[in-house]
Amino acid sequence: MAIWHHPITLDLCKQLDQGLHGKGTLMKTMAIEITEIGDDYLTATMPVIPEHHNPIGMLHGGANVVLAETVASYAANFVVDTDKYYCVGQEISASHLKASRNGLLTATAKAFHIGKRSSVWEIKITNSRGELCCVSKMTAAVVERK
């Protein structure tokens, strides 16, 4: 059984990537794309390009965190009634396990906990060869709309 509060589609995710003003968001800047919606997980990809590198030519660790928080934040918002609530990242941690210089990263978010006031997500990021590059955990706060 799906954990999502309402039906979600890849087209909806692309609309959200455009932001409130339709001019794009960090997801567009970083070329992050939601690519798969499972019953209890969400997957996104991000290319590793020179614009995402640190000064020594490897993917900047912050780019991993942006990818992880993006996929977990989308997932957190999809499990709540967005007419009444929205979710924001409250805490995130990341362990960088393997450097990337090129290719495509794939991040998959699965819930550890879905509660009334918060949700906690595990995010695993793999490279084009399927090797684990980063593991992350994000806590999202559930905020009531006023």
Protein backbone atom coordinates (compact mmCIF):
# COMPACT_ATOMS: atom_id res chain seq x y z
CA MET A 1 0.00 0.00 0.00
CA ALA A 2 1.31 3.45 -0.95
CA ILE A 3 2.30 5.90 1.79
CA TRP A 4 1.43 8.96 -0.31
CA HIS A 5 -1.49 11.12 0.85
CA HIS A 6 -2.64 11.86 -2.68
CA PRO A 7 -1.71 10.47 -6.10
CA ILE A 8 1.57 11.86 -7.40
CA THR A 9 3.08 11.80 -10.85
CA LEU A 10 6.39 12.66 -12.44
CA ASP A 11 4.63 15.52 -14.24
CA LEU A 12 3.56 16.98 -10.89
CA CYS A 13 7.18 16.83 -9.72
CA LYS A 14 8.32 18.70 -12.85
CA GLN A 15 5.71 21.39 -12.16
CA LEU A 16 6.95 21.75 -8.58
CA ASP A 17 10.53 22.10 -9.87
CA GLN A 18 9.43 25.38 -11.52
CA GLY A 19 8.65 26.94 -8.12
CA LEU A 20 5.97 29.39 -7.06
CA HIS A 21 6.89 31.98 -9.67
CA GLY A 22 7.53 29.54 -12.51
CA LYS A 23 11.16 30.61 -12.93
CA GLY A 24 12.78 27.44 -11.65
CA THR A 25 14.30 26.38 -8.36
CA LEU A 26 17.53 24.89 -7.02
CA MET A 27 16.33 21.56 -8.42
CA LYS A 28 16.47 23.05 -11.92
CA THR A 29 19.84 24.72 -11.23
CA MET A 30 21.34 21.41 -10.07
CA ALA A 31 19.52 19.40 -12.80
CA ILE A 32 17.83 17.20 -10.18
CA GLU A 33 14.92 15.20 -11.52
CA ILE A 34 12.45 12.95 -9.71
CA THR A 35 12.57 9.77 -11.78
CA GLU A 36 10.63 7.10 -9.91
CA ILE A 37 7.70 6.95 -7.53
CA GLY A 38 7.30 3.69 -5.64
CA ASP A 39 4.70 2.74 -3.05
CA ASP A 40 7.04 3.70 -0.21
CA TYR A 41 10.01 5.44 -1.83
CA LEU A 42 10.92 8.30 -4.12
CA THR A 43 13.95 8.36 -6.44
CA ALA A 44 15.76 11.32 -8.01
CA THR A 45 18.83 11.72 -10.19
CA MET A 46 21.47 14.42 -10.57
CA PRO A 47 24.33 14.58 -13.06
CA VAL A 48 27.86 15.06 -11.78
CA ILE A 49 29.15 17.93 -13.89
CA PRO A 50 32.09 20.33 -13.43
CA GLU A 51 29.73 23.03 -12.12
CA HIS A 52 29.00 20.70 -9.16
CA HIS A 53 32.68 20.02 -8.40
CA ASN A 54 34.81 21.29 -5.56
CA PRO A 55 38.17 22.97 -6.38
CA ILE A 56 39.98 19.61 -6.65
CA GLY A 57 37.63 18.20 -9.29
CA MET A 58 35.32 15.98 -7.24
CA LEU A 59 31.64 16.39 -6.56
CA HIS A 60 31.18 18.96 -3.79
CA GLY A 61 29.77 17.22 -0.70
CA GLY A 62 27.09 19.90 -0.49
CA ALA A 63 25.74 18.72 -3.85
CA ASN A 64 25.07 15.30 -2.31
CA VAL A 65 23.22 17.03 0.51
CA VAL A 66 21.15 19.10 -1.94
CA LEU A 67 20.18 15.92 -3.79
CA ALA A 68 19.34 14.09 -0.54
CA GLU A 69 17.29 16.94 0.92
CA THR A 70 15.44 17.44 -2.35
CA VAL A 71 14.23 13.86 -2.69
CA ALA A 72 13.40 13.56 1.02
CA SER A 73 11.58 16.91 1.10
CA TYR A 74 9.45 15.97 -1.88
CA ALA A 75 8.63 12.65 -0.23
CA ALA A 76 7.84 14.31 3.11
CA ASN A 77 5.40 16.69 1.43
CA PHE A 78 3.75 13.91 -0.51
CA VAL A 79 2.79 12.02 2.67
CA VAL A 80 0.87 14.94 4.23
CA ASP A 81 -2.38 16.66 3.31
CA THR A 82 -0.86 19.69 1.55
CA ASP A 83 -4.10 21.64 1.91
CA LYS A 84 -3.45 21.65 5.67
CA TYR A 85 0.32 21.14 6.06
CA TYR A 86 3.68 21.54 4.40
CA CYS A 87 7.04 20.03 5.31
CA VAL A 88 10.46 21.62 5.57
CA GLY A 89 13.85 20.13 6.25
CA GLN A 90 14.71 20.49 9.92
CA GLU A 91 17.93 18.47 10.17
CA ILE A 92 20.11 16.60 7.72
CA SER A 93 23.28 14.58 8.00
CA ALA A 94 25.36 12.94 5.32
CA SER A 95 28.22 10.48 5.25
CA HIS A 96 30.20 10.73 2.01
CA LEU A 97 31.53 7.27 1.18
CA LYS A 98 32.87 7.48 -2.37
CA ALA A 99 33.94 10.44 -4.50
CA SER A 100 32.31 11.13 -7.86
CA ARG A 101 33.82 13.06 -10.76
CA ASN A 102 31.24 12.39 -13.48
CA GLY A 103 28.21 10.28 -14.30
CA LEU A 104 24.74 10.25 -12.83
CA LEU A 105 23.87 9.97 -9.14
CA THR A 106 20.66 8.28 -8.04
CA ALA A 107 19.12 9.06 -4.65
CA THR A 108 16.34 7.01 -3.08
CA ALA A 109 14.42 8.23 -0.02
CA LYS A 110 12.48 5.86 2.26
CA ALA A 111 10.76 6.77 5.49
CA PHE A 112 12.05 5.64 8.87
CA HIS A 113 9.15 7.43 10.59
CA ILE A 114 6.04 9.31 9.46
CA GLY A 115 4.38 11.19 12.30
CA LYS A 116 1.98 14.06 12.87
CA ARG A 117 4.72 16.63 13.55
CA SER A 118 7.75 15.19 11.78
CA SER A 119 9.00 12.53 9.45
CA VAL A 120 12.46 10.99 9.22
CA TRP A 121 13.93 9.80 5.93
CA GLU A 122 16.86 7.62 4.90
CA ILE A 123 18.47 8.59 1.60
CA LYS A 124 20.96 6.38 -0.23
CA ILE A 125 22.90 7.87 -3.13
CA THR A 126 24.58 5.62 -5.68
CA ASN A 127 26.73 6.37 -8.73
CA SER A 128 26.33 5.18 -12.33
CA ARG A 129 28.02 1.88 -11.40
CA GLY A 130 25.54 1.26 -8.56
CA GLU A 131 28.18 1.94 -5.88
CA LEU A 132 27.02 3.58 -2.67
CA CYS A 133 28.46 7.11 -2.55
CA CYS A 134 26.56 8.77 0.28
CA VAL A 135 24.08 7.88 2.99
CA SER A 136 21.97 10.62 4.50
CA LYS A 137 19.21 11.06 7.06
CA MET A 138 16.80 13.97 7.02
CA THR A 139 14.17 15.03 9.52
CA ALA A 140 11.30 17.07 8.11
CA ALA A 141 9.08 19.25 10.27
CA VAL A 142 5.36 19.14 9.48
CA VAL A 143 4.05 22.73 9.61
CA GLU A 144 0.37 23.64 9.76
CA ARG A 145 -0.79 26.08 7.10
CA LYS A 146 -2.48 29.14 8.56
